[in-house]
Each structure stands twice: as structure tokens, then as C-alpha cells.
Amino acid sequence: MVQIGKINTLKVNRFVDFGAFLEAGDGIEILLPKRYLTEGVKEGDEIDVFVYNDSEDRLVAVTDRPKAMVGEFALLRVSQVNATGAFLDWGLPKELLVPFREQKVRMEQGRYYVVYIYLDDNTKRIVASAKLDKFVDNTIPHYRTDELVDVLIAKRTDLGYRVIINNLHWGMIYHNEVFAEINIGEHHQARVKTIRRDGKIDLLLGTKAKSRTADLAERLVERMRANGGSMHITDASTPEEIRAYFKCSKRDFKQAIGHLFKKHRIDIQPDAITLVTNK
């Protein structure tokens, strides 16, 4: 059966003047409007389409991809507000409704909000909600320490950034462990740092330590080459200096320096680190 609000692979059943009807199972056909038909498509071909309700609540297929689909969180802009609720620009002709009952605070035109997109069981319409807690932490987390996950930056707090892990769970990235600019609504790769006894999950941005160390080591080499073969940032420098120059923690910096030293690519002096010639 067709999945409303998601990408479906459907077969072209027949053509009409205003588009093509796609086979959706159980004798159901869904219109793909003519403007989405590409040259060379013929009956029997399978097409990847996004299925949703048009302005008259009929199922329609489009080849456009929305900014987010059913079951996902996203940062979206309010394009208008009326007596029904707020309408979000999600990249499709028909805008996405956030009913007033699904708004934590009254939404304002032109502002951006993180929302969850879902299919309303009663109306079978795709809607969005800003009441994120209803849709997060509804399953038991089964993450491993150092596991790579996708995170959506959802909210900035005094402690750090609340993030949504894999569209399923809340997590936290602390301010003192963020070494590059991040913004609400962005997706990032992160690693599970700790799963606490209360079930809360702490994370670190970026890839696994080994890969991160290798990448940083090469950046240090490039910095030294550009600076005549040496630099005055060392493992004696303050965490603030290291962060300002290399957008990393002092721990990662020391591991990268150690990696280069073991490879005989650098000499470490009290006040400088120098590239070994021809390395």
C-alpha cells in the first residue's frame, strides 16, 4: 500500500491529458500532474514520487522532494497564519499546517520553528506539531558508547544544545564540547559519549576519535607548512588558544600531535612544534 507523506515507487498505469495515473494497489490510482512528467516515461515504468494530499484532500504524487517527510523533524519557516493555524513552507505547493493545538507558543509569520511531521490518524492529512516531547523518547534507546548517530540541533540551553537523535531520542551536546559554529535546525553527525543511569544521552559532535585525530593531524601539518614549517601553538597552550586556532578540544589536539610525533613527522619543542624535513 502507498505510504502517505513518504517516497513511494509507483508504476505508471495510464496517461491522460493532465498527467498520468500511477498504480497504488487495491485498484487505487494516484495522479501525477503533467508538469512532473519527464520525457520518455511510458506505461509500466516505475517512478519515485512523494505522495500527499492536495488542496482538495485528494492524494497526489509529485517528483519534488519536501524539506522533510512524515516521521521526521525539521526547522521550517511560517509563511502565513490564519484562523486554522500556522502554515509552513516545506518545499511543496500545498503548505504544511500546524494546528493551534499543536503549537507550544503561538507561531508568528516569518519565524522558524522545529516541528515534527506526522499523518493525522483521524483526517489522514499530513500535519506538523511543535510539541516535540510527544514524539521523542517513545522507545527504549539501544545505543553503544562511541556509536555514530545523526542529530538535529533542536534547542539551545544554558548547558548546551538539546538534539534529536536519529528522529527518536533526546540528547545533549554541552557548550564546552562544541568547537565549531552550529545552528538550530542543522543535521550533524555525532558520537554517543555517555548513556546515563536516568537514560539521558550525552553526545560529542563529529566522527570517531581515530578518524578525528587523523583529520586534525593533517590540518596541523597544513598549518605548519603555510607558516614556514612550524607553529607556536603547543600542548602547553591553553584550551582557549587551541580552540580559537583549530576548532578542537585540547585533548584532540594532544592526540593529533602524538600521532604526528610517532610517525616522525614533527619535532616537539618547549615553545614550538616543527615539521621534520621531507615528511
C-alpha atoms as a PDB file:
ATOM      1  CA  MET A   1       0.000   0.000   0.000  1.00  0.00           C
ATOM      2  CA  VAL A   2       1.042   3.561  -0.667  1.00  0.00           C
ATOM      3  CA  GLN A   3       2.662   5.456   2.214  1.00  0.00           C
ATOM      4  CA  ILE A   4       1.264   8.972   2.524  1.00  0.00           C
ATOM      5  CA  GLY A   5       3.910  11.548   3.319  1.00  0.00           C
ATOM      6  CA  LYS A   6       6.805   9.433   2.098  1.00  0.00           C
ATOM      7  CA  ILE A   7       8.607   8.468  -1.082  1.00  0.00           C
ATOM      8  CA  ASN A   8       6.900   5.640  -2.970  1.00  0.00           C
ATOM      9  CA  THR A   9       7.930   3.736  -6.081  1.00  0.00           C
ATOM     10  CA  LEU A  10       4.787   3.517  -8.214  1.00  0.00           C
ATOM     11  CA  LYS A  11       4.076   2.172 -11.695  1.00  0.00           C
ATOM     12  CA  VAL A  12       2.631   4.314 -14.472  1.00  0.00           C
ATOM     13  CA  ASN A  13      -0.818   2.873 -15.197  1.00  0.00           C
ATOM     14  CA  ARG A  14      -2.161   5.209 -17.891  1.00  0.00           C
ATOM     15  CA  PHE A  15      -1.757   8.679 -19.360  1.00  0.00           C
ATOM     16  CA  VAL A  16      -4.361  11.450 -19.538  1.00  0.00           C
ATOM     17  CA  ASP A  17      -4.209  14.994 -20.900  1.00  0.00           C
ATOM     18  CA  PHE A  18      -3.358  16.451 -17.487  1.00  0.00           C
ATOM     19  CA  GLY A  19      -0.767  13.878 -16.388  1.00  0.00           C
ATOM     20  CA  ALA A  20      -0.509  10.184 -15.585  1.00  0.00           C
ATOM     21  CA  PHE A  21      -2.252   7.904 -13.132  1.00  0.00           C
ATOM     22  CA  LEU A  22       0.018   5.732 -11.009  1.00  0.00           C
ATOM     23  CA  GLU A  23      -0.966   2.350  -9.613  1.00  0.00           C
ATOM     24  CA  ALA A  24      -1.196   2.438  -5.809  1.00  0.00           C
ATOM     25  CA  GLY A  25      -2.663  -1.021  -5.097  1.00  0.00           C
ATOM     26  CA  ASP A  26      -6.191  -2.280  -4.409  1.00  0.00           C
ATOM     27  CA  GLY A  27      -7.431  -0.600  -7.581  1.00  0.00           C
ATOM     28  CA  ILE A  28      -6.377   2.858  -6.348  1.00  0.00           C
ATOM     29  CA  GLU A  29      -4.801   5.293  -8.781  1.00  0.00           C
ATOM     30  CA  ILE A  30      -2.914   8.464  -7.854  1.00  0.00           C
ATOM     31  CA  LEU A  31      -2.469  11.376 -10.220  1.00  0.00           C
ATOM     32  CA  LEU A  32       0.994  12.566 -11.183  1.00  0.00           C
ATOM     33  CA  PRO A  33       0.313  16.046 -12.686  1.00  0.00           C
ATOM     34  CA  LYS A  34       1.670  16.683 -16.161  1.00  0.00           C
ATOM     35  CA  ARG A  35       4.308  19.191 -15.021  1.00  0.00           C
ATOM     36  CA  TYR A  36       6.093  16.377 -13.124  1.00  0.00           C
ATOM     37  CA  LEU A  37       6.271  14.030 -16.098  1.00  0.00           C
ATOM     38  CA  THR A  38       9.662  13.752 -17.747  1.00  0.00           C
ATOM     39  CA  GLU A  39      10.238  12.984 -21.396  1.00  0.00           C
ATOM     40  CA  GLY A  40      10.456   9.307 -22.234  1.00  0.00           C
ATOM     41  CA  VAL A  41       8.291   7.987 -19.393  1.00  0.00           C
ATOM     42  CA  LYS A  42       5.919   5.289 -20.642  1.00  0.00           C
ATOM     43  CA  GLU A  43       3.238   2.955 -19.299  1.00  0.00           C
ATOM     44  CA  GLY A  44       4.651   0.303 -16.997  1.00  0.00           C
ATOM     45  CA  ASP A  45       7.612   2.435 -15.902  1.00  0.00           C
ATOM     46  CA  GLU A  46       8.207   2.835 -12.168  1.00  0.00           C
ATOM     47  CA  ILE A  47       8.721   6.328 -10.750  1.00  0.00           C
ATOM     48  CA  ASP A  48       9.849   7.511  -7.304  1.00  0.00           C
ATOM     49  CA  VAL A  49       7.262  10.020  -6.091  1.00  0.00           C
ATOM     50  CA  PHE A  50       6.226  11.789  -2.920  1.00  0.00           C
ATOM     51  CA  VAL A  51       2.543  11.236  -2.099  1.00  0.00           C
ATOM     52  CA  TYR A  52       0.449  13.747  -0.146  1.00  0.00           C
ATOM     53  CA  ASN A  53      -2.974  15.410  -0.086  1.00  0.00           C
ATOM     54  CA  ASP A  54      -3.630  18.302  -2.439  1.00  0.00           C
ATOM     55  CA  SER A  55      -5.700  21.374  -1.562  1.00  0.00           C
ATOM     56  CA  GLU A  56      -8.898  19.352  -2.091  1.00  0.00           C
ATOM     57  CA  ASP A  57      -7.616  16.449   0.082  1.00  0.00           C
ATOM     58  CA  ARG A  58      -7.096  14.158  -2.877  1.00  0.00           C
ATOM     59  CA  LEU A  59      -3.968  12.025  -2.978  1.00  0.00           C
ATOM     60  CA  VAL A  60      -1.482  13.380  -5.483  1.00  0.00           C
ATOM     61  CA  ALA A  61       2.036  12.335  -6.477  1.00  0.00           C
ATOM     62  CA  VAL A  62       4.924  14.726  -7.177  1.00  0.00           C
ATOM     63  CA  THR A  63       8.553  14.192  -8.086  1.00  0.00           C
ATOM     64  CA  ASP A  64       9.602  17.136  -5.891  1.00  0.00           C
ATOM     65  CA  ARG A  65      11.126  16.291  -2.523  1.00  0.00           C
ATOM     66  CA  PRO A  66       9.836  18.154   0.538  1.00  0.00           C
ATOM     67  CA  LYS A  67      12.244  19.551   3.115  1.00  0.00           C
ATOM     68  CA  ALA A  68      11.114  16.788   5.479  1.00  0.00           C
ATOM     69  CA  MET A  69       8.702  13.846   5.391  1.00  0.00           C
ATOM     70  CA  VAL A  70       6.325  12.071   7.751  1.00  0.00           C
ATOM     71  CA  GLY A  71       8.211  10.747  10.757  1.00  0.00           C
ATOM     72  CA  GLU A  72      10.916  13.423  10.593  1.00  0.00           C
ATOM     73  CA  PHE A  73      11.795  16.610  12.468  1.00  0.00           C
ATOM     74  CA  ALA A  74      12.785  19.790  10.640  1.00  0.00           C
ATOM     75  CA  LEU A  75      13.268  23.535  11.055  1.00  0.00           C
ATOM     76  CA  LEU A  76      10.650  25.230   8.863  1.00  0.00           C
ATOM     77  CA  ARG A  77       9.521  28.791   8.230  1.00  0.00           C
ATOM     78  CA  VAL A  78       5.985  30.023   8.873  1.00  0.00           C
ATOM     79  CA  SER A  79       4.690  31.537   5.648  1.00  0.00           C
ATOM     80  CA  GLN A  80       1.257  32.548   6.928  1.00  0.00           C
ATOM     81  CA  VAL A  81      -1.078  32.327   9.916  1.00  0.00           C
ATOM     82  CA  ASN A  82      -4.860  32.251   9.725  1.00  0.00           C
ATOM     83  CA  ALA A  83      -7.852  31.079  11.763  1.00  0.00           C
ATOM     84  CA  THR A  84      -6.930  27.413  11.166  1.00  0.00           C
ATOM     85  CA  GLY A  85      -3.340  27.593  12.362  1.00  0.00           C
ATOM     86  CA  ALA A  86       0.131  28.283  11.035  1.00  0.00           C
ATOM     87  CA  PHE A  87       1.284  27.180   7.591  1.00  0.00           C
ATOM     88  CA  LEU A  88       4.876  26.151   6.966  1.00  0.00           C
ATOM     89  CA  ASP A  89       6.930  26.246   3.785  1.00  0.00           C
ATOM     90  CA  TRP A  90       8.141  22.667   3.343  1.00  0.00           C
ATOM     91  CA  GLY A  91       9.011  22.913  -0.332  1.00  0.00           C
ATOM     92  CA  LEU A  92       5.692  21.800  -1.868  1.00  0.00           C
ATOM     93  CA  PRO A  93       2.836  23.798  -3.444  1.00  0.00           C
ATOM     94  CA  LYS A  94       0.453  22.968  -0.591  1.00  0.00           C
ATOM     95  CA  GLU A  95       1.867  24.305   2.663  1.00  0.00           C
ATOM     96  CA  LEU A  96       2.094  22.259   5.855  1.00  0.00           C
ATOM     97  CA  LEU A  97      -0.436  23.030   8.607  1.00  0.00           C
ATOM     98  CA  VAL A  98       0.414  23.311  12.292  1.00  0.00           C
ATOM     99  CA  PRO A  99      -2.980  23.427  14.069  1.00  0.00           C
ATOM    100  CA  PHE A 100      -3.159  25.787  17.047  1.00  0.00           C
ATOM    101  CA  ARG A 101      -3.458  22.794  19.396  1.00  0.00           C
ATOM    102  CA  GLU A 102      -0.046  21.599  18.196  1.00  0.00           C
ATOM    103  CA  GLN A 103       1.746  24.895  18.878  1.00  0.00           C
ATOM    104  CA  LYS A 104       3.707  25.324  22.123  1.00  0.00           C
ATOM    105  CA  VAL A 105       3.558  29.091  21.661  1.00  0.00           C
ATOM    106  CA  ARG A 106       1.514  30.987  19.117  1.00  0.00           C
ATOM    107  CA  MET A 107       3.536  30.832  15.908  1.00  0.00           C
ATOM    108  CA  GLU A 108       4.379  34.009  14.022  1.00  0.00           C
ATOM    109  CA  GLN A 109       4.693  34.622  10.294  1.00  0.00           C
ATOM    110  CA  GLY A 110       8.290  34.722   9.073  1.00  0.00           C
ATOM    111  CA  ARG A 111       9.768  32.890  12.066  1.00  0.00           C
ATOM    112  CA  TYR A 112      11.340  29.415  12.053  1.00  0.00           C
ATOM    113  CA  TYR A 113      10.305  26.513  14.296  1.00  0.00           C
ATOM    114  CA  VAL A 114      11.449  22.936  14.782  1.00  0.00           C
ATOM    115  CA  VAL A 115       8.452  20.666  14.163  1.00  0.00           C
ATOM    116  CA  TYR A 116       7.592  17.003  13.800  1.00  0.00           C
ATOM    117  CA  ILE A 117       5.685  15.904  10.689  1.00  0.00           C
ATOM    118  CA  TYR A 118       3.070  13.175  11.047  1.00  0.00           C
ATOM    119  CA  LEU A 119      -0.050  11.698   9.485  1.00  0.00           C
ATOM    120  CA  ASP A 120      -3.159  12.518  11.497  1.00  0.00           C
ATOM    121  CA  ASP A 121      -4.977   9.250  12.210  1.00  0.00           C
ATOM    122  CA  ASN A 122      -8.434  10.804  12.038  1.00  0.00           C
ATOM    123  CA  THR A 123      -8.192  13.041   8.984  1.00  0.00           C
ATOM    124  CA  LYS A 124      -5.407  11.156   7.135  1.00  0.00           C
ATOM    125  CA  ARG A 125      -3.854  14.559   6.447  1.00  0.00           C
ATOM    126  CA  ILE A 126      -0.196  15.408   6.867  1.00  0.00           C
ATOM    127  CA  VAL A 127       0.262  17.958   9.643  1.00  0.00           C
ATOM    128  CA  ALA A 128       3.057  19.179  11.891  1.00  0.00           C
ATOM    129  CA  SER A 129       3.474  19.703  15.622  1.00  0.00           C
ATOM    130  CA  ALA A 130       5.808  21.907  17.644  1.00  0.00           C
ATOM    131  CA  LYS A 131       5.107  19.821  20.765  1.00  0.00           C
ATOM    132  CA  LEU A 132       8.203  17.722  20.226  1.00  0.00           C
ATOM    133  CA  ASP A 133       8.123  15.811  23.516  1.00  0.00           C
ATOM    134  CA  LYS A 134       5.074  13.893  22.277  1.00  0.00           C
ATOM    135  CA  PHE A 135       7.173  12.310  19.537  1.00  0.00           C
ATOM    136  CA  VAL A 136      10.587  11.837  21.207  1.00  0.00           C
ATOM    137  CA  ASP A 137      11.780   9.193  23.691  1.00  0.00           C
ATOM    138  CA  ASN A 138       8.860   6.870  22.997  1.00  0.00           C
ATOM    139  CA  THR A 139      11.172   3.882  22.506  1.00  0.00           C
ATOM    140  CA  ILE A 140      13.931   2.463  24.696  1.00  0.00           C
ATOM    141  CA  PRO A 141      17.359   3.692  23.494  1.00  0.00           C
ATOM    142  CA  HIS A 142      19.834   0.989  22.489  1.00  0.00           C
ATOM    143  CA  TYR A 143      22.969   2.952  21.659  1.00  0.00           C
ATOM    144  CA  ARG A 144      26.575   1.960  22.244  1.00  0.00           C
ATOM    145  CA  THR A 145      29.305   4.253  23.504  1.00  0.00           C
ATOM    146  CA  ASP A 146      31.076   5.875  20.522  1.00  0.00           C
ATOM    147  CA  GLU A 147      28.256   4.890  18.139  1.00  0.00           C
ATOM    148  CA  LEU A 148      27.773   7.320  15.257  1.00  0.00           C
ATOM    149  CA  VAL A 149      24.311   8.868  15.031  1.00  0.00           C
ATOM    150  CA  ASP A 150      22.506  11.629  13.168  1.00  0.00           C
ATOM    151  CA  VAL A 151      21.413  14.573  15.304  1.00  0.00           C
ATOM    152  CA  LEU A 152      19.147  17.534  14.633  1.00  0.00           C
ATOM    153  CA  ILE A 153      20.069  20.630  16.649  1.00  0.00           C
ATOM    154  CA  ALA A 154      16.713  21.441  18.242  1.00  0.00           C
ATOM    155  CA  LYS A 155      17.257  23.943  21.065  1.00  0.00           C
ATOM    156  CA  ARG A 156      19.983  25.986  22.753  1.00  0.00           C
ATOM    157  CA  THR A 157      20.009  25.868  26.572  1.00  0.00           C
ATOM    158  CA  ASP A 158      22.263  27.157  29.349  1.00  0.00           C
ATOM    159  CA  LEU A 159      24.052  23.780  29.407  1.00  0.00           C
ATOM    160  CA  GLY A 160      24.383  23.224  25.694  1.00  0.00           C
ATOM    161  CA  TYR A 161      22.280  22.070  22.762  1.00  0.00           C
ATOM    162  CA  ARG A 162      19.338  19.716  23.002  1.00  0.00           C
ATOM    163  CA  VAL A 163      19.393  17.483  19.959  1.00  0.00           C
ATOM    164  CA  ILE A 164      17.129  14.821  18.483  1.00  0.00           C
ATOM    165  CA  ILE A 165      18.986  11.570  17.828  1.00  0.00           C
ATOM    166  CA  ASN A 166      18.004   9.562  14.737  1.00  0.00           C
ATOM    167  CA  ASN A 167      14.486  11.086  14.842  1.00  0.00           C
ATOM    168  CA  LEU A 168      13.888   9.083  18.055  1.00  0.00           C
ATOM    169  CA  HIS A 169      15.519  10.321  21.251  1.00  0.00           C
ATOM    170  CA  TRP A 170      16.632  13.441  23.072  1.00  0.00           C
ATOM    171  CA  GLY A 171      20.337  14.025  23.627  1.00  0.00           C
ATOM    172  CA  MET A 172      22.624  16.789  24.864  1.00  0.00           C
ATOM    173  CA  ILE A 173      25.811  18.308  23.472  1.00  0.00           C
ATOM    174  CA  TYR A 174      27.477  20.561  26.064  1.00  0.00           C
ATOM    175  CA  HIS A 175      28.767  24.036  25.251  1.00  0.00           C
ATOM    176  CA  ASN A 176      32.321  23.271  26.394  1.00  0.00           C
ATOM    177  CA  GLU A 177      32.468  20.378  23.901  1.00  0.00           C
ATOM    178  CA  VAL A 178      31.352  22.371  20.856  1.00  0.00           C
ATOM    179  CA  PHE A 179      34.312  23.654  18.829  1.00  0.00           C
ATOM    180  CA  ALA A 180      32.617  24.974  15.701  1.00  0.00           C
ATOM    181  CA  GLU A 181      29.560  27.062  14.951  1.00  0.00           C
ATOM    182  CA  ILE A 182      26.313  25.097  14.914  1.00  0.00           C
ATOM    183  CA  ASN A 183      22.786  26.361  14.346  1.00  0.00           C
ATOM    184  CA  ILE A 184      19.264  25.298  15.222  1.00  0.00           C
ATOM    185  CA  GLY A 185      17.790  23.059  12.536  1.00  0.00           C
ATOM    186  CA  GLU A 186      21.106  21.698  11.279  1.00  0.00           C
ATOM    187  CA  HIS A 187      21.814  17.988  10.984  1.00  0.00           C
ATOM    188  CA  HIS A 188      25.199  16.777  12.208  1.00  0.00           C
ATOM    189  CA  GLN A 189      26.997  13.529  12.751  1.00  0.00           C
ATOM    190  CA  ALA A 190      27.703  12.856  16.418  1.00  0.00           C
ATOM    191  CA  ARG A 191      29.047  10.136  18.678  1.00  0.00           C
ATOM    192  CA  VAL A 192      27.391   8.749  21.795  1.00  0.00           C
ATOM    193  CA  LYS A 193      29.572   9.795  24.720  1.00  0.00           C
ATOM    194  CA  THR A 194      27.562   8.536  27.690  1.00  0.00           C
ATOM    195  CA  ILE A 195      24.191   6.958  28.407  1.00  0.00           C
ATOM    196  CA  ARG A 196      23.423   7.941  31.976  1.00  0.00           C
ATOM    197  CA  ARG A 197      21.531   5.866  34.512  1.00  0.00           C
ATOM    198  CA  ASP A 198      18.481   8.094  34.103  1.00  0.00           C
ATOM    199  CA  GLY A 199      18.505   7.262  30.377  1.00  0.00           C
ATOM    200  CA  LYS A 200      19.734  10.683  29.258  1.00  0.00           C
ATOM    201  CA  ILE A 201      22.232  10.632  26.415  1.00  0.00           C
ATOM    202  CA  ASP A 202      25.309  12.861  26.123  1.00  0.00           C
ATOM    203  CA  LEU A 203      26.985  13.245  22.743  1.00  0.00           C
ATOM    204  CA  LEU A 204      30.035  14.677  21.041  1.00  0.00           C
ATOM    205  CA  LEU A 205      29.947  16.218  17.590  1.00  0.00           C
ATOM    206  CA  GLY A 206      31.985  14.623  14.841  1.00  0.00           C
ATOM    207  CA  THR A 207      33.348  11.280  13.811  1.00  0.00           C
ATOM    208  CA  LYS A 208      35.059   8.585  15.860  1.00  0.00           C
ATOM    209  CA  ALA A 209      38.204   9.566  17.740  1.00  0.00           C
ATOM    210  CA  LYS A 210      40.632   7.719  15.467  1.00  0.00           C
ATOM    211  CA  SER A 211      39.307   9.340  12.289  1.00  0.00           C
ATOM    212  CA  ARG A 212      39.052  12.720  14.005  1.00  0.00           C
ATOM    213  CA  THR A 213      42.679  12.527  15.173  1.00  0.00           C
ATOM    214  CA  ALA A 214      43.931  11.691  11.669  1.00  0.00           C
ATOM    215  CA  ASP A 215      41.968  14.544  10.105  1.00  0.00           C
ATOM    216  CA  LEU A 216      43.171  17.045  12.693  1.00  0.00           C
ATOM    217  CA  ALA A 217      46.785  15.877  12.303  1.00  0.00           C
ATOM    218  CA  GLU A 218      46.671  16.702   8.600  1.00  0.00           C
ATOM    219  CA  ARG A 219      45.229  20.125   9.352  1.00  0.00           C
ATOM    220  CA  LEU A 220      48.093  20.792  11.744  1.00  0.00           C
ATOM    221  CA  VAL A 221      50.613  19.786   9.077  1.00  0.00           C
ATOM    222  CA  GLU A 222      48.976  22.129   6.558  1.00  0.00           C
ATOM    223  CA  ARG A 223      49.039  24.975   9.100  1.00  0.00           C
ATOM    224  CA  MET A 224      52.761  24.433   9.743  1.00  0.00           C
ATOM    225  CA  ARG A 225      53.560  24.265   6.036  1.00  0.00           C
ATOM    226  CA  ALA A 226      51.729  27.540   5.480  1.00  0.00           C
ATOM    227  CA  ASN A 227      53.641  29.056   8.393  1.00  0.00           C
ATOM    228  CA  GLY A 228      57.122  28.159   7.205  1.00  0.00           C
ATOM    229  CA  GLY A 229      57.243  24.723   8.808  1.00  0.00           C
ATOM    230  CA  SER A 230      56.378  25.437  12.432  1.00  0.00           C
ATOM    231  CA  MET A 231      53.759  26.780  14.810  1.00  0.00           C
ATOM    232  CA  HIS A 232      53.789  28.204  18.300  1.00  0.00           C
ATOM    233  CA  ILE A 233      50.601  26.506  19.457  1.00  0.00           C
ATOM    234  CA  THR A 234      51.766  23.517  21.514  1.00  0.00           C
ATOM    235  CA  ASP A 235      50.372  21.109  24.067  1.00  0.00           C
ATOM    236  CA  ALA A 236      51.305  23.762  26.657  1.00  0.00           C
ATOM    237  CA  SER A 237      48.865  26.231  25.077  1.00  0.00           C
ATOM    238  CA  THR A 238      45.563  26.906  26.784  1.00  0.00           C
ATOM    239  CA  PRO A 239      42.364  25.129  25.690  1.00  0.00           C
ATOM    240  CA  GLU A 240      41.035  28.536  24.611  1.00  0.00           C
ATOM    241  CA  GLU A 241      44.017  29.174  22.305  1.00  0.00           C
ATOM    242  CA  ILE A 242      43.752  25.715  20.762  1.00  0.00           C
ATOM    243  CA  ARG A 243      40.033  26.091  20.241  1.00  0.00           C
ATOM    244  CA  ALA A 244      40.459  29.529  18.615  1.00  0.00           C
ATOM    245  CA  TYR A 245      43.071  28.268  16.137  1.00  0.00           C
ATOM    246  CA  PHE A 246      41.887  24.752  15.355  1.00  0.00           C
ATOM    247  CA  LYS A 247      38.239  24.453  16.489  1.00  0.00           C
ATOM    248  CA  CYS A 248      39.015  21.371  18.565  1.00  0.00           C
ATOM    249  CA  SER A 249      39.488  20.285  22.161  1.00  0.00           C
ATOM    250  CA  LYS A 250      42.905  20.271  23.818  1.00  0.00           C
ATOM    251  CA  ARG A 251      42.560  16.503  24.207  1.00  0.00           C
ATOM    252  CA  ASP A 252      42.099  16.012  20.448  1.00  0.00           C
ATOM    253  CA  PHE A 253      44.977  18.411  19.768  1.00  0.00           C
ATOM    254  CA  LYS A 254      47.358  16.448  22.003  1.00  0.00           C
ATOM    255  CA  GLN A 255      46.302  13.163  20.401  1.00  0.00           C
ATOM    256  CA  ALA A 256      46.934  14.596  16.919  1.00  0.00           C
ATOM    257  CA  ILE A 257      50.358  15.892  17.984  1.00  0.00           C
ATOM    258  CA  GLY A 258      51.166  12.494  19.476  1.00  0.00           C
ATOM    259  CA  HIS A 259      50.078  10.806  16.244  1.00  0.00           C
ATOM    260  CA  LEU A 260      52.406  13.019  14.176  1.00  0.00           C
ATOM    261  CA  PHE A 261      55.297  12.551  16.615  1.00  0.00           C
ATOM    262  CA  LYS A 262      55.022   8.741  16.471  1.00  0.00           C
ATOM    263  CA  LYS A 263      55.096   8.966  12.678  1.00  0.00           C
ATOM    264  CA  HIS A 264      58.326  11.056  12.948  1.00  0.00           C
ATOM    265  CA  ARG A 265      56.637  13.920  11.102  1.00  0.00           C
ATOM    266  CA  ILE A 266      57.257  16.612  13.762  1.00  0.00           C
ATOM    267  CA  ASP A 267      59.689  17.721  16.444  1.00  0.00           C
ATOM    268  CA  ILE A 268      58.177  18.964  19.703  1.00  0.00           C
ATOM    269  CA  GLN A 269      59.996  21.822  21.437  1.00  0.00           C
ATOM    270  CA  PRO A 270      59.012  23.761  24.568  1.00  0.00           C
ATOM    271  CA  ASP A 271      57.734  26.759  22.618  1.00  0.00           C
ATOM    272  CA  ALA A 272      57.088  25.393  19.116  1.00  0.00           C
ATOM    273  CA  ILE A 273      56.225  22.376  17.012  1.00  0.00           C
ATOM    274  CA  THR A 274      58.276  21.959  13.834  1.00  0.00           C
ATOM    275  CA  LEU A 275      57.798  19.798  10.758  1.00  0.00           C
ATOM    276  CA  VAL A 276      60.509  17.224  10.092  1.00  0.00           C
ATOM    277  CA  THR A 277      62.047  17.896   6.688  1.00  0.00           C
ATOM    278  CA  ASN A 278      60.599  15.847   3.779  1.00  0.00           C
ATOM    279  CA  LYS A 279      57.787  14.369   5.902  1.00  0.00           C
END
